[in-house]
Amino acid sequence: MAMASLTASSSSITLLNKLFLPNPSSSISHSRLLRFSVRSRFTSASIRAVALQSDVNESPSTVIEETQVFACPVCYEPLLRKGPSGINLQSIYRSGFKCGQCNKTYSSKDEYLDLTVTADLANFNEVKPITTELFRSPLVSFLYERGWRDNFKRSGFPGAEEEFKMAEEYFKEAEGGILVDVSCGSGIFSRKFAKSGKYSGVIALDYSENMLRQCNDFIKNDNTFDSSTNIAVVRADVSRLPFPSGSVDAVHAGAALHCWPSPTNAIAEICRVLRSGGVFVGTTFLRYSPTTPWIIKPFQSRILQNYNYLMQDEIKDVCTACGLTDYADIVKDSFIMFTARKP
């Protein structure tokens, strides 16, 4: 059935959210904000390309470029790029990528660049835990911006527009650089970051093929985007990010951490790809809110055991253990926005 023919009923959204969202407390706790120490602005990432010698079997006009943006997810070597330069849908779609070390090739299909380890495998399709597989569903991908995410407000989320403004405050020092929106879903924040014009490139990254198709459709149907807008749509695993170490200025992860099979592996990867001074901002659901009655906490933890809902101190511990510093957070009900920096 074509996605355009699907109708998002409110009852379907309510049922899905009852299954997969934590129950918020009826009362609201005071938010807490810790400020970053002020540091000088770090050098923003630039999109650089170095022309290399063409293969002898290729026409003289064919140029292979080495990009500093994408790396092989197997060996993390920068990928060789053949095609137009730049980070935008048209140039990425028309480019081919190859790892000079392990000879794996990567290309755009269904209008997203597949940079997973399993890209182009004919006989193997890796199945992830339910927390990941749920969002690969065409139905969930279709509903995500058509009512699903609005229901997050029941758990304390402030709404997409306010959440975006809050994140932008933390990313001020990353302006002019590369921002990666990991677990971007249908690109609700990726598009906002790209439209702001504050970054040299925005990479909308998710493991779900259907979420990325939705992201691409939203971009193409938005007349405020043009072919030169610095946004790329990339399929990748958050625990195997396809970027060279120390090459990214900012990483955003909206309502994502609880869905990752291993939050520690994912945050360690985020720390690896961030430049010194690079900023990580994420939001997620807490296992329970600060005002959740103690008597129901064990039952709520058991109900939500398929997801990695952490607590405030646990998130700080994981960020610190993975090498990030200057941790800060804001909490409201079961919502938390947290941020940390690569030293």
C-alpha atoms as a PDB file:
ATOM      1  CA  MET A   1       0.000   0.000   0.000  1.00  0.00           C
ATOM      2  CA  ALA A   2       1.402   3.402  -0.947  1.00  0.00           C
ATOM      3  CA  MET A   3       2.299   5.591   2.001  1.00  0.00           C
ATOM      4  CA  ALA A   4       0.231   8.439   0.567  1.00  0.00           C
ATOM      5  CA  SER A   5      -2.880   6.346   0.960  1.00  0.00           C
ATOM      6  CA  LEU A   6      -2.381   5.837   4.703  1.00  0.00           C
ATOM      7  CA  THR A   7      -4.494   7.947   7.067  1.00  0.00           C
ATOM      8  CA  ALA A   8      -3.092   8.624  10.527  1.00  0.00           C
ATOM      9  CA  SER A   9      -6.010   8.152  12.878  1.00  0.00           C
ATOM     10  CA  SER A  10      -5.783   9.599  16.364  1.00  0.00           C
ATOM     11  CA  SER A  11      -6.750   6.244  17.841  1.00  0.00           C
ATOM     12  CA  SER A  12      -3.799   4.511  16.152  1.00  0.00           C
ATOM     13  CA  ILE A  13      -1.365   7.099  17.446  1.00  0.00           C
ATOM     14  CA  THR A  14      -2.806   6.899  20.958  1.00  0.00           C
ATOM     15  CA  LEU A  15      -2.551   3.098  20.990  1.00  0.00           C
ATOM     16  CA  LEU A  16       1.055   3.105  19.775  1.00  0.00           C
ATOM     17  CA  ASN A  17       2.084   5.724  22.312  1.00  0.00           C
ATOM     18  CA  LYS A  18       0.457   3.832  25.162  1.00  0.00           C
ATOM     19  CA  LEU A  19       2.666   0.898  24.234  1.00  0.00           C
ATOM     20  CA  PHE A  20       5.955   2.743  23.877  1.00  0.00           C
ATOM     21  CA  LEU A  21       5.885   5.976  25.943  1.00  0.00           C
ATOM     22  CA  PRO A  22       6.513   6.091  29.695  1.00  0.00           C
ATOM     23  CA  ASN A  23       3.652   7.346  31.835  1.00  0.00           C
ATOM     24  CA  PRO A  24       4.414  10.836  33.162  1.00  0.00           C
ATOM     25  CA  SER A  25       3.646  11.994  36.646  1.00  0.00           C
ATOM     26  CA  SER A  26       0.740  14.358  36.939  1.00  0.00           C
ATOM     27  CA  SER A  27       2.845  16.953  38.745  1.00  0.00           C
ATOM     28  CA  ILE A  28       5.677  19.004  37.219  1.00  0.00           C
ATOM     29  CA  SER A  29       9.061  19.282  38.841  1.00  0.00           C
ATOM     30  CA  HIS A  30      11.164  22.407  38.692  1.00  0.00           C
ATOM     31  CA  SER A  31      13.621  22.357  35.771  1.00  0.00           C
ATOM     32  CA  ARG A  32      17.300  22.517  36.510  1.00  0.00           C
ATOM     33  CA  LEU A  33      19.886  24.074  34.225  1.00  0.00           C
ATOM     34  CA  LEU A  34      23.614  23.899  34.616  1.00  0.00           C
ATOM     35  CA  ARG A  35      25.619  26.337  32.551  1.00  0.00           C
ATOM     36  CA  PHE A  36      28.692  25.536  30.479  1.00  0.00           C
ATOM     37  CA  SER A  37      31.933  27.232  31.337  1.00  0.00           C
ATOM     38  CA  VAL A  38      32.768  29.715  28.608  1.00  0.00           C
ATOM     39  CA  ARG A  39      35.421  28.642  26.176  1.00  0.00           C
ATOM     40  CA  SER A  40      36.840  30.169  23.054  1.00  0.00           C
ATOM     41  CA  ARG A  41      35.216  29.105  19.808  1.00  0.00           C
ATOM     42  CA  PHE A  42      36.916  26.143  18.190  1.00  0.00           C
ATOM     43  CA  THR A  43      37.785  25.969  14.526  1.00  0.00           C
ATOM     44  CA  SER A  44      34.723  24.844  12.601  1.00  0.00           C
ATOM     45  CA  ALA A  45      34.868  21.904  10.253  1.00  0.00           C
ATOM     46  CA  SER A  46      35.223  22.738   6.598  1.00  0.00           C
ATOM     47  CA  ILE A  47      34.182  20.670   3.634  1.00  0.00           C
ATOM     48  CA  ARG A  48      37.449  20.065   1.840  1.00  0.00           C
ATOM     49  CA  ALA A  49      38.221  17.884  -1.163  1.00  0.00           C
ATOM     50  CA  VAL A  50      41.556  16.911  -2.701  1.00  0.00           C
ATOM     51  CA  ALA A  51      41.635  15.765  -6.306  1.00  0.00           C
ATOM     52  CA  LEU A  52      43.394  12.434  -6.839  1.00  0.00           C
ATOM     53  CA  GLN A  53      44.717  10.781  -9.958  1.00  0.00           C
ATOM     54  CA  SER A  54      42.045   9.059 -12.072  1.00  0.00           C
ATOM     55  CA  ASP A  55      42.211   5.335 -12.696  1.00  0.00           C
ATOM     56  CA  VAL A  56      43.724   4.420 -16.028  1.00  0.00           C
ATOM     57  CA  ASN A  57      40.524   2.733 -17.168  1.00  0.00           C
ATOM     58  CA  GLU A  58      38.432   5.840 -16.540  1.00  0.00           C
ATOM     59  CA  SER A  59      37.915   8.741 -18.897  1.00  0.00           C
ATOM     60  CA  PRO A  60      40.216  11.748 -18.395  1.00  0.00           C
ATOM     61  CA  SER A  61      37.272  13.872 -17.266  1.00  0.00           C
ATOM     62  CA  THR A  62      36.450  11.582 -14.335  1.00  0.00           C
ATOM     63  CA  VAL A  63      37.786  12.955 -11.064  1.00  0.00           C
ATOM     64  CA  ILE A  64      37.966  11.126  -7.763  1.00  0.00           C
ATOM     65  CA  GLU A  65      37.909  13.318  -4.694  1.00  0.00           C
ATOM     66  CA  GLU A  66      38.843  12.537  -1.129  1.00  0.00           C
ATOM     67  CA  THR A  67      36.214  13.903   1.212  1.00  0.00           C
ATOM     68  CA  GLN A  68      36.900  14.804   4.824  1.00  0.00           C
ATOM     69  CA  VAL A  69      33.223  14.393   5.737  1.00  0.00           C
ATOM     70  CA  PHE A  70      32.399  10.694   5.341  1.00  0.00           C
ATOM     71  CA  ALA A  71      34.437   7.680   6.420  1.00  0.00           C
ATOM     72  CA  CYS A  72      34.184   3.945   5.922  1.00  0.00           C
ATOM     73  CA  PRO A  73      32.096   2.393   8.741  1.00  0.00           C
ATOM     74  CA  VAL A  74      34.409  -0.633   8.713  1.00  0.00           C
ATOM     75  CA  CYS A  75      37.861   0.943   9.064  1.00  0.00           C
ATOM     76  CA  TYR A  76      37.012   4.655   9.560  1.00  0.00           C
ATOM     77  CA  GLU A  77      39.276   5.693   6.690  1.00  0.00           C
ATOM     78  CA  PRO A  78      38.043   8.793   4.806  1.00  0.00           C
ATOM     79  CA  LEU A  79      36.087   7.718   1.739  1.00  0.00           C
ATOM     80  CA  LEU A  80      37.164   8.481  -1.804  1.00  0.00           C
ATOM     81  CA  ARG A  81      34.402  10.314  -3.608  1.00  0.00           C
ATOM     82  CA  LYS A  82      33.673  10.295  -7.326  1.00  0.00           C
ATOM     83  CA  GLY A  83      31.209  12.934  -8.415  1.00  0.00           C
ATOM     84  CA  PRO A  84      30.223  16.494  -7.549  1.00  0.00           C
ATOM     85  CA  SER A  85      31.437  17.884  -4.229  1.00  0.00           C
ATOM     86  CA  GLY A  86      29.299  19.350  -1.479  1.00  0.00           C
ATOM     87  CA  ILE A  87      26.774  18.266   1.121  1.00  0.00           C
ATOM     88  CA  ASN A  88      23.357  18.486  -0.507  1.00  0.00           C
ATOM     89  CA  LEU A  89      20.837  15.965  -1.788  1.00  0.00           C
ATOM     90  CA  GLN A  90      21.680  16.356  -5.458  1.00  0.00           C
ATOM     91  CA  SER A  91      25.472  16.092  -5.177  1.00  0.00           C
ATOM     92  CA  ILE A  92      25.374  13.190  -2.710  1.00  0.00           C
ATOM     93  CA  TYR A  93      22.896  11.278  -4.896  1.00  0.00           C
ATOM     94  CA  ARG A  94      25.133  11.701  -7.947  1.00  0.00           C
ATOM     95  CA  SER A  95      28.312  10.658  -6.136  1.00  0.00           C
ATOM     96  CA  GLY A  96      29.875   7.279  -5.527  1.00  0.00           C
ATOM     97  CA  PHE A  97      32.048   6.538  -2.490  1.00  0.00           C
ATOM     98  CA  LYS A  98      34.815   3.997  -2.009  1.00  0.00           C
ATOM     99  CA  CYS A  99      37.130   3.070   0.827  1.00  0.00           C
ATOM    100  CA  GLY A 100      40.729   3.070  -0.364  1.00  0.00           C
ATOM    101  CA  GLN A 101      41.743   0.636   2.377  1.00  0.00           C
ATOM    102  CA  CYS A 102      39.097  -2.123   2.371  1.00  0.00           C
ATOM    103  CA  ASN A 103      37.722  -1.403  -1.143  1.00  0.00           C
ATOM    104  CA  LYS A 104      34.086  -1.351  -0.022  1.00  0.00           C
ATOM    105  CA  THR A 105      31.847   0.853  -2.147  1.00  0.00           C
ATOM    106  CA  TYR A 106      28.881   2.929  -1.001  1.00  0.00           C
ATOM    107  CA  SER A 107      26.213   4.684  -3.006  1.00  0.00           C
ATOM    108  CA  SER A 108      22.852   6.406  -2.739  1.00  0.00           C
ATOM    109  CA  LYS A 109      19.761   4.274  -3.150  1.00  0.00           C
ATOM    110  CA  ASP A 110      16.183   5.314  -2.542  1.00  0.00           C
ATOM    111  CA  GLU A 111      17.717   8.779  -2.357  1.00  0.00           C
ATOM    112  CA  TYR A 112      19.719   8.284   0.820  1.00  0.00           C
ATOM    113  CA  LEU A 113      23.392   7.403   1.124  1.00  0.00           C
ATOM    114  CA  ASP A 114      23.794   3.990   2.757  1.00  0.00           C
ATOM    115  CA  LEU A 115      26.891   3.975   4.981  1.00  0.00           C
ATOM    116  CA  THR A 116      26.094   0.919   7.067  1.00  0.00           C
ATOM    117  CA  VAL A 117      28.474  -2.031   7.277  1.00  0.00           C
ATOM    118  CA  THR A 118      25.764  -4.141   5.625  1.00  0.00           C
ATOM    119  CA  ALA A 119      25.318  -1.776   2.666  1.00  0.00           C
ATOM    120  CA  ASP A 120      24.736  -3.651  -0.614  1.00  0.00           C
ATOM    121  CA  LEU A 121      24.939  -7.108   0.976  1.00  0.00           C
ATOM    122  CA  ALA A 122      22.819  -9.503  -1.086  1.00  0.00           C
ATOM    123  CA  ASN A 123      22.372 -12.376   1.346  1.00  0.00           C
ATOM    124  CA  PHE A 124      22.267 -10.810   4.791  1.00  0.00           C
ATOM    125  CA  ASN A 125      19.942  -8.338   6.458  1.00  0.00           C
ATOM    126  CA  GLU A 126      20.759  -7.624  10.090  1.00  0.00           C
ATOM    127  CA  VAL A 127      17.776  -7.570  12.444  1.00  0.00           C
ATOM    128  CA  LYS A 128      18.111  -5.185  15.371  1.00  0.00           C
ATOM    129  CA  PRO A 129      16.284  -5.217  18.747  1.00  0.00           C
ATOM    130  CA  ILE A 130      12.629  -4.179  18.812  1.00  0.00           C
ATOM    131  CA  THR A 131      13.618  -0.700  19.980  1.00  0.00           C
ATOM    132  CA  THR A 132      15.268  -0.198  16.597  1.00  0.00           C
ATOM    133  CA  GLU A 133      13.058  -2.353  14.382  1.00  0.00           C
ATOM    134  CA  LEU A 134       9.882  -0.534  15.470  1.00  0.00           C
ATOM    135  CA  PHE A 135      11.036   2.640  13.752  1.00  0.00           C
ATOM    136  CA  ARG A 136      11.912   0.815  10.530  1.00  0.00           C
ATOM    137  CA  SER A 137       8.179   0.185  10.112  1.00  0.00           C
ATOM    138  CA  PRO A 138       6.537   2.146   7.265  1.00  0.00           C
ATOM    139  CA  LEU A 139       3.523   2.870   9.487  1.00  0.00           C
ATOM    140  CA  VAL A 140       5.512   4.287  12.407  1.00  0.00           C
ATOM    141  CA  SER A 141       7.704   6.297  10.016  1.00  0.00           C
ATOM    142  CA  PHE A 142       4.595   7.758   8.397  1.00  0.00           C
ATOM    143  CA  LEU A 143       2.951   8.604  11.726  1.00  0.00           C
ATOM    144  CA  TYR A 144       6.035  10.070  13.405  1.00  0.00           C
ATOM    145  CA  GLU A 145       5.408  13.694  12.396  1.00  0.00           C
ATOM    146  CA  ARG A 146       1.679  13.155  11.949  1.00  0.00           C
ATOM    147  CA  GLY A 147       0.802  12.942  15.622  1.00  0.00           C
ATOM    148  CA  TRP A 148       3.218  10.417  17.158  1.00  0.00           C
ATOM    149  CA  ARG A 149       5.804  12.919  18.382  1.00  0.00           C
ATOM    150  CA  ASP A 150       3.211  15.425  19.561  1.00  0.00           C
ATOM    151  CA  ASN A 151       2.242  12.891  22.198  1.00  0.00           C
ATOM    152  CA  PHE A 152       5.682  13.270  23.793  1.00  0.00           C
ATOM    153  CA  LYS A 153       4.308  16.421  25.418  1.00  0.00           C
ATOM    154  CA  ARG A 154       2.444  14.154  27.826  1.00  0.00           C
ATOM    155  CA  SER A 155       5.824  13.183  29.288  1.00  0.00           C
ATOM    156  CA  GLY A 156       7.151  16.728  29.595  1.00  0.00           C
ATOM    157  CA  PHE A 157       8.635  17.342  26.136  1.00  0.00           C
ATOM    158  CA  PRO A 158       8.187  21.048  25.286  1.00  0.00           C
ATOM    159  CA  GLY A 159       7.259  20.548  21.618  1.00  0.00           C
ATOM    160  CA  ALA A 160       9.520  20.397  18.578  1.00  0.00           C
ATOM    161  CA  GLU A 161       9.860  24.150  18.035  1.00  0.00           C
ATOM    162  CA  GLU A 162      10.812  24.923  21.644  1.00  0.00           C
ATOM    163  CA  GLU A 163      13.078  21.872  21.826  1.00  0.00           C
ATOM    164  CA  PHE A 164      14.889  23.090  18.705  1.00  0.00           C
ATOM    165  CA  LYS A 165      15.416  26.553  20.199  1.00  0.00           C
ATOM    166  CA  MET A 166      16.804  25.027  23.391  1.00  0.00           C
ATOM    167  CA  ALA A 167      19.279  22.901  21.419  1.00  0.00           C
ATOM    168  CA  GLU A 168      20.380  25.880  19.313  1.00  0.00           C
ATOM    169  CA  GLU A 169      21.497  27.701  22.452  1.00  0.00           C
ATOM    170  CA  TYR A 170      24.002  24.923  23.174  1.00  0.00           C
ATOM    171  CA  PHE A 171      25.200  24.785  19.550  1.00  0.00           C
ATOM    172  CA  LYS A 172      26.174  28.449  19.235  1.00  0.00           C
ATOM    173  CA  GLU A 173      29.891  27.638  19.322  1.00  0.00           C
ATOM    174  CA  ALA A 174      29.435  25.032  16.572  1.00  0.00           C
ATOM    175  CA  GLU A 175      27.967  27.477  14.054  1.00  0.00           C
ATOM    176  CA  GLY A 176      29.787  27.349  10.734  1.00  0.00           C
ATOM    177  CA  GLY A 177      30.694  23.688  11.206  1.00  0.00           C
ATOM    178  CA  ILE A 178      29.290  20.232  10.525  1.00  0.00           C
ATOM    179  CA  LEU A 179      26.254  19.126  12.542  1.00  0.00           C
ATOM    180  CA  VAL A 180      25.133  15.493  12.588  1.00  0.00           C
ATOM    181  CA  ASP A 181      21.558  14.752  13.651  1.00  0.00           C
ATOM    182  CA  VAL A 182      21.817  11.098  14.728  1.00  0.00           C
ATOM    183  CA  SER A 183      18.651   8.995  14.976  1.00  0.00           C
ATOM    184  CA  CYS A 184      17.012  11.864  13.093  1.00  0.00           C
ATOM    185  CA  GLY A 185      13.789   9.978  12.383  1.00  0.00           C
ATOM    186  CA  SER A 186      11.847  11.793   9.681  1.00  0.00           C
ATOM    187  CA  GLY A 187      14.209  14.754   9.943  1.00  0.00           C
ATOM    188  CA  ILE A 188      12.042  17.007  12.106  1.00  0.00           C
ATOM    189  CA  PHE A 189      15.152  18.681  13.591  1.00  0.00           C
ATOM    190  CA  SER A 190      17.572  18.057  10.709  1.00  0.00           C
ATOM    191  CA  ARG A 191      15.440  20.264   8.487  1.00  0.00           C
ATOM    192  CA  LYS A 192      15.265  23.005  11.096  1.00  0.00           C
ATOM    193  CA  PHE A 193      19.053  22.992  11.542  1.00  0.00           C
ATOM    194  CA  ALA A 194      19.573  23.119   7.764  1.00  0.00           C
ATOM    195  CA  LYS A 195      17.044  25.917   7.291  1.00  0.00           C
ATOM    196  CA  SER A 196      18.778  28.015   9.946  1.00  0.00           C
ATOM    197  CA  GLY A 197      21.754  28.450   7.597  1.00  0.00           C
ATOM    198  CA  LYS A 198      24.098  28.381  10.582  1.00  0.00           C
ATOM    199  CA  TYR A 199      26.050  25.257   9.627  1.00  0.00           C
ATOM    200  CA  SER A 200      28.281  24.400   6.679  1.00  0.00           C
ATOM    201  CA  GLY A 201      26.598  21.017   6.509  1.00  0.00           C
ATOM    202  CA  VAL A 202      23.786  19.144   8.267  1.00  0.00           C
ATOM    203  CA  ILE A 203      23.704  15.356   8.057  1.00  0.00           C
ATOM    204  CA  ALA A 204      20.359  13.692   8.784  1.00  0.00           C
ATOM    205  CA  LEU A 205      21.371  10.219   9.939  1.00  0.00           C
ATOM    206  CA  ASP A 206      19.202   7.264  10.910  1.00  0.00           C
ATOM    207  CA  TYR A 207      19.218   3.458  10.711  1.00  0.00           C
ATOM    208  CA  SER A 208      15.604   3.293   9.491  1.00  0.00           C
ATOM    209  CA  GLU A 209      15.226   3.248   5.718  1.00  0.00           C
ATOM    210  CA  ASN A 210      11.601   4.355   5.934  1.00  0.00           C
ATOM    211  CA  MET A 211      12.357   7.254   8.267  1.00  0.00           C
ATOM    212  CA  LEU A 212      14.954   8.496   5.770  1.00  0.00           C
ATOM    213  CA  ARG A 213      12.470   8.198   2.894  1.00  0.00           C
ATOM    214  CA  GLN A 214      10.034  10.306   4.901  1.00  0.00           C
ATOM    215  CA  CYS A 215      12.813  12.821   5.589  1.00  0.00           C
ATOM    216  CA  ASN A 216      13.600  13.037   1.893  1.00  0.00           C
ATOM    217  CA  ASP A 217       9.930  13.486   0.990  1.00  0.00           C
ATOM    218  CA  PHE A 218       9.513  16.304   3.506  1.00  0.00           C
ATOM    219  CA  ILE A 219      12.573  18.088   2.077  1.00  0.00           C
ATOM    220  CA  LYS A 220      11.412  17.730  -1.518  1.00  0.00           C
ATOM    221  CA  ASN A 221       7.905  18.964  -0.715  1.00  0.00           C
ATOM    222  CA  ASP A 222       9.197  22.009   1.175  1.00  0.00           C
ATOM    223  CA  ASN A 223       9.676  24.904  -1.237  1.00  0.00           C
ATOM    224  CA  THR A 224      11.959  26.688   1.225  1.00  0.00           C
ATOM    225  CA  PHE A 225      14.633  24.106   0.413  1.00  0.00           C
ATOM    226  CA  ASP A 226      16.572  24.209  -2.835  1.00  0.00           C
ATOM    227  CA  SER A 227      19.126  21.895  -4.421  1.00  0.00           C
ATOM    228  CA  SER A 228      22.023  23.751  -2.816  1.00  0.00           C
ATOM    229  CA  THR A 229      20.788  23.497   0.787  1.00  0.00           C
ATOM    230  CA  ASN A 230      23.568  21.925   2.838  1.00  0.00           C
ATOM    231  CA  ILE A 231      21.763  18.793   4.024  1.00  0.00           C
ATOM    232  CA  ALA A 232      22.505  15.131   3.345  1.00  0.00           C
ATOM    233  CA  VAL A 233      20.366  12.100   4.183  1.00  0.00           C
ATOM    234  CA  VAL A 234      22.476   9.160   5.366  1.00  0.00           C
ATOM    235  CA  ARG A 235      21.714   5.669   6.656  1.00  0.00           C
ATOM    236  CA  ALA A 236      24.143   4.586   9.372  1.00  0.00           C
ATOM    237  CA  ASP A 237      24.376   2.839  12.734  1.00  0.00           C
ATOM    238  CA  VAL A 238      24.833   5.163  15.711  1.00  0.00           C
ATOM    239  CA  SER A 239      27.290   2.659  17.194  1.00  0.00           C
ATOM    240  CA  ARG A 240      29.378   2.755  13.982  1.00  0.00           C
ATOM    241  CA  LEU A 241      29.297   6.345  12.788  1.00  0.00           C
ATOM    242  CA  PRO A 242      30.736   6.880   9.276  1.00  0.00           C
ATOM    243  CA  PHE A 243      32.949   9.869  10.076  1.00  0.00           C
ATOM    244  CA  PRO A 244      36.674  10.261  10.723  1.00  0.00           C
ATOM    245  CA  SER A 245      37.676  10.749  14.344  1.00  0.00           C
ATOM    246  CA  GLY A 246      37.551  14.380  15.457  1.00  0.00           C
ATOM    247  CA  SER A 247      35.780  15.621  12.329  1.00  0.00           C
ATOM    248  CA  VAL A 248      32.337  16.763  13.522  1.00  0.00           C
ATOM    249  CA  ASP A 249      31.495  20.018  15.309  1.00  0.00           C
ATOM    250  CA  ALA A 250      28.114  19.105  16.778  1.00  0.00           C
ATOM    251  CA  VAL A 251      25.931  16.039  17.318  1.00  0.00           C
ATOM    252  CA  HIS A 252      22.221  16.158  18.082  1.00  0.00           C
ATOM    253  CA  ALA A 253      20.090  13.195  19.184  1.00  0.00           C
ATOM    254  CA  GLY A 254      16.429  14.025  19.763  1.00  0.00           C
ATOM    255  CA  ALA A 255      14.349  11.496  21.734  1.00  0.00           C
ATOM    256  CA  ALA A 256      16.830   8.804  20.796  1.00  0.00           C
ATOM    257  CA  LEU A 257      19.009   7.453  23.598  1.00  0.00           C
ATOM    258  CA  HIS A 258      16.322   5.155  25.013  1.00  0.00           C
ATOM    259  CA  CYS A 259      16.054   3.400  21.625  1.00  0.00           C
ATOM    260  CA  TRP A 260      19.764   2.657  21.224  1.00  0.00           C
ATOM    261  CA  PRO A 261      20.728  -0.982  21.852  1.00  0.00           C
ATOM    262  CA  SER A 262      23.806   0.217  23.745  1.00  0.00           C
ATOM    263  CA  PRO A 263      23.815   3.847  24.939  1.00  0.00           C
ATOM    264  CA  THR A 264      27.441   3.506  26.083  1.00  0.00           C
ATOM    265  CA  ASN A 265      28.644   2.342  22.656  1.00  0.00           C
ATOM    266  CA  ALA A 266      26.671   5.078  20.918  1.00  0.00           C
ATOM    267  CA  ILE A 267      27.916   7.911  23.149  1.00  0.00           C
ATOM    268  CA  ALA A 268      31.489   6.607  22.902  1.00  0.00           C
ATOM    269  CA  GLU A 269      31.136   6.796  19.106  1.00  0.00           C
ATOM    270  CA  ILE A 270      29.743  10.312  19.338  1.00  0.00           C
ATOM    271  CA  CYS A 271      32.727  11.310  21.466  1.00  0.00           C
ATOM    272  CA  ARG A 272      35.087   9.747  18.908  1.00  0.00           C
ATOM    273  CA  VAL A 273      33.757  11.748  15.943  1.00  0.00           C
ATOM    274  CA  LEU A 274      33.474  15.079  17.770  1.00  0.00           C
ATOM    275  CA  ARG A 275      36.259  17.621  17.453  1.00  0.00           C
ATOM    276  CA  SER A 276      37.916  18.973  20.551  1.00  0.00           C
ATOM    277  CA  GLY A 277      35.357  21.445  21.864  1.00  0.00           C
ATOM    278  CA  GLY A 278      32.561  19.776  19.890  1.00  0.00           C
ATOM    279  CA  VAL A 279      29.115  19.710  21.483  1.00  0.00           C
ATOM    280  CA  PHE A 280      26.678  16.830  22.003  1.00  0.00           C
ATOM    281  CA  VAL A 281      23.018  17.584  22.799  1.00  0.00           C
ATOM    282  CA  GLY A 282      20.396  14.913  23.359  1.00  0.00           C
ATOM    283  CA  THR A 283      16.880  14.464  24.672  1.00  0.00           C
ATOM    284  CA  THR A 284      15.250  11.322  25.976  1.00  0.00           C
ATOM    285  CA  PHE A 285      12.685   9.949  28.411  1.00  0.00           C
ATOM    286  CA  LEU A 286      13.784   9.309  31.967  1.00  0.00           C
ATOM    287  CA  ARG A 287      12.858   5.943  33.453  1.00  0.00           C
ATOM    288  CA  TYR A 288      10.494   7.851  35.700  1.00  0.00           C
ATOM    289  CA  SER A 289      10.078  11.469  36.655  1.00  0.00           C
ATOM    290  CA  PRO A 290      11.450  12.992  39.879  1.00  0.00           C
ATOM    291  CA  THR A 291       7.916  12.971  41.299  1.00  0.00           C
ATOM    292  CA  THR A 292       6.942   9.419  40.373  1.00  0.00           C
ATOM    293  CA  PRO A 293       5.653   7.680  43.545  1.00  0.00           C
ATOM    294  CA  TRP A 294       8.200   5.201  44.855  1.00  0.00           C
ATOM    295  CA  ILE A 295       5.633   2.440  45.075  1.00  0.00           C
ATOM    296  CA  ILE A 296       5.112   2.272  41.299  1.00  0.00           C
ATOM    297  CA  LYS A 297       8.760   2.695  40.244  1.00  0.00           C
ATOM    298  CA  PRO A 298       9.547  -1.072  40.191  1.00  0.00           C
ATOM    299  CA  PHE A 299       6.441  -1.800  38.113  1.00  0.00           C
ATOM    300  CA  GLN A 300       7.155   0.998  35.649  1.00  0.00           C
ATOM    301  CA  SER A 301      10.763  -0.179  35.233  1.00  0.00           C
ATOM    302  CA  ARG A 302       9.540  -3.689  34.411  1.00  0.00           C
ATOM    303  CA  ILE A 303       6.971  -2.449  31.887  1.00  0.00           C
ATOM    304  CA  LEU A 304       9.636  -0.362  30.099  1.00  0.00           C
ATOM    305  CA  GLN A 305      12.398  -2.955  30.232  1.00  0.00           C
ATOM    306  CA  ASN A 306      12.677  -3.312  26.430  1.00  0.00           C
ATOM    307  CA  TYR A 307      13.926   0.274  26.246  1.00  0.00           C
ATOM    308  CA  ASN A 308      17.031   1.838  27.756  1.00  0.00           C
ATOM    309  CA  TYR A 309      15.302   4.480  29.854  1.00  0.00           C
ATOM    310  CA  LEU A 310      18.036   5.849  32.102  1.00  0.00           C
ATOM    311  CA  MET A 311      17.934   8.210  35.049  1.00  0.00           C
ATOM    312  CA  GLN A 312      19.470  11.668  35.251  1.00  0.00           C
ATOM    313  CA  ASP A 313      22.609  10.587  37.135  1.00  0.00           C
ATOM    314  CA  GLU A 314      23.056   7.549  34.879  1.00  0.00           C
ATOM    315  CA  ILE A 315      23.102   9.712  31.756  1.00  0.00           C
ATOM    316  CA  LYS A 316      25.743  11.944  33.321  1.00  0.00           C
ATOM    317  CA  ASP A 317      27.814   8.892  34.314  1.00  0.00           C
ATOM    318  CA  VAL A 318      27.680   7.452  30.783  1.00  0.00           C
ATOM    319  CA  CYS A 319      28.693  10.759  29.178  1.00  0.00           C
ATOM    320  CA  THR A 320      31.579  11.135  31.624  1.00  0.00           C
ATOM    321  CA  ALA A 321      32.714   7.514  31.192  1.00  0.00           C
ATOM    322  CA  CYS A 322      32.783   8.006  27.410  1.00  0.00           C
ATOM    323  CA  GLY A 323      35.137  10.986  27.700  1.00  0.00           C
ATOM    324  CA  LEU A 324      32.750  13.947  27.577  1.00  0.00           C
ATOM    325  CA  THR A 325      32.937  16.847  30.024  1.00  0.00           C
ATOM    326  CA  ASP A 326      30.954  19.937  31.104  1.00  0.00           C
ATOM    327  CA  TYR A 327      27.748  17.947  31.468  1.00  0.00           C
ATOM    328  CA  ALA A 328      24.530  19.940  31.963  1.00  0.00           C
ATOM    329  CA  ASP A 329      20.847  19.069  31.830  1.00  0.00           C
ATOM    330  CA  ILE A 330      17.276  20.323  32.054  1.00  0.00           C
ATOM    331  CA  VAL A 331      14.540  18.086  33.503  1.00  0.00           C
ATOM    332  CA  LYS A 332      10.757  18.365  33.341  1.00  0.00           C
ATOM    333  CA  ASP A 333       8.611  15.371  34.251  1.00  0.00           C
ATOM    334  CA  SER A 334      10.083  12.434  32.282  1.00  0.00           C
ATOM    335  CA  PHE A 335      11.790  14.752  29.747  1.00  0.00           C
ATOM    336  CA  ILE A 336      15.495  15.487  29.931  1.00  0.00           C
ATOM    337  CA  MET A 337      17.683  17.569  27.650  1.00  0.00           C
ATOM    338  CA  PHE A 338      21.345  16.940  28.362  1.00  0.00           C
ATOM    339  CA  THR A 339      24.514  18.301  26.832  1.00  0.00           C
ATOM    340  CA  ALA A 340      28.229  17.665  27.120  1.00  0.00           C
ATOM    341  CA  ARG A 341      31.439  18.634  25.349  1.00  0.00           C
ATOM    342  CA  LYS A 342      34.476  16.883  23.861  1.00  0.00           C
ATOM    343  CA  PRO A 343      37.522  18.099  25.817  1.00  0.00           C
END
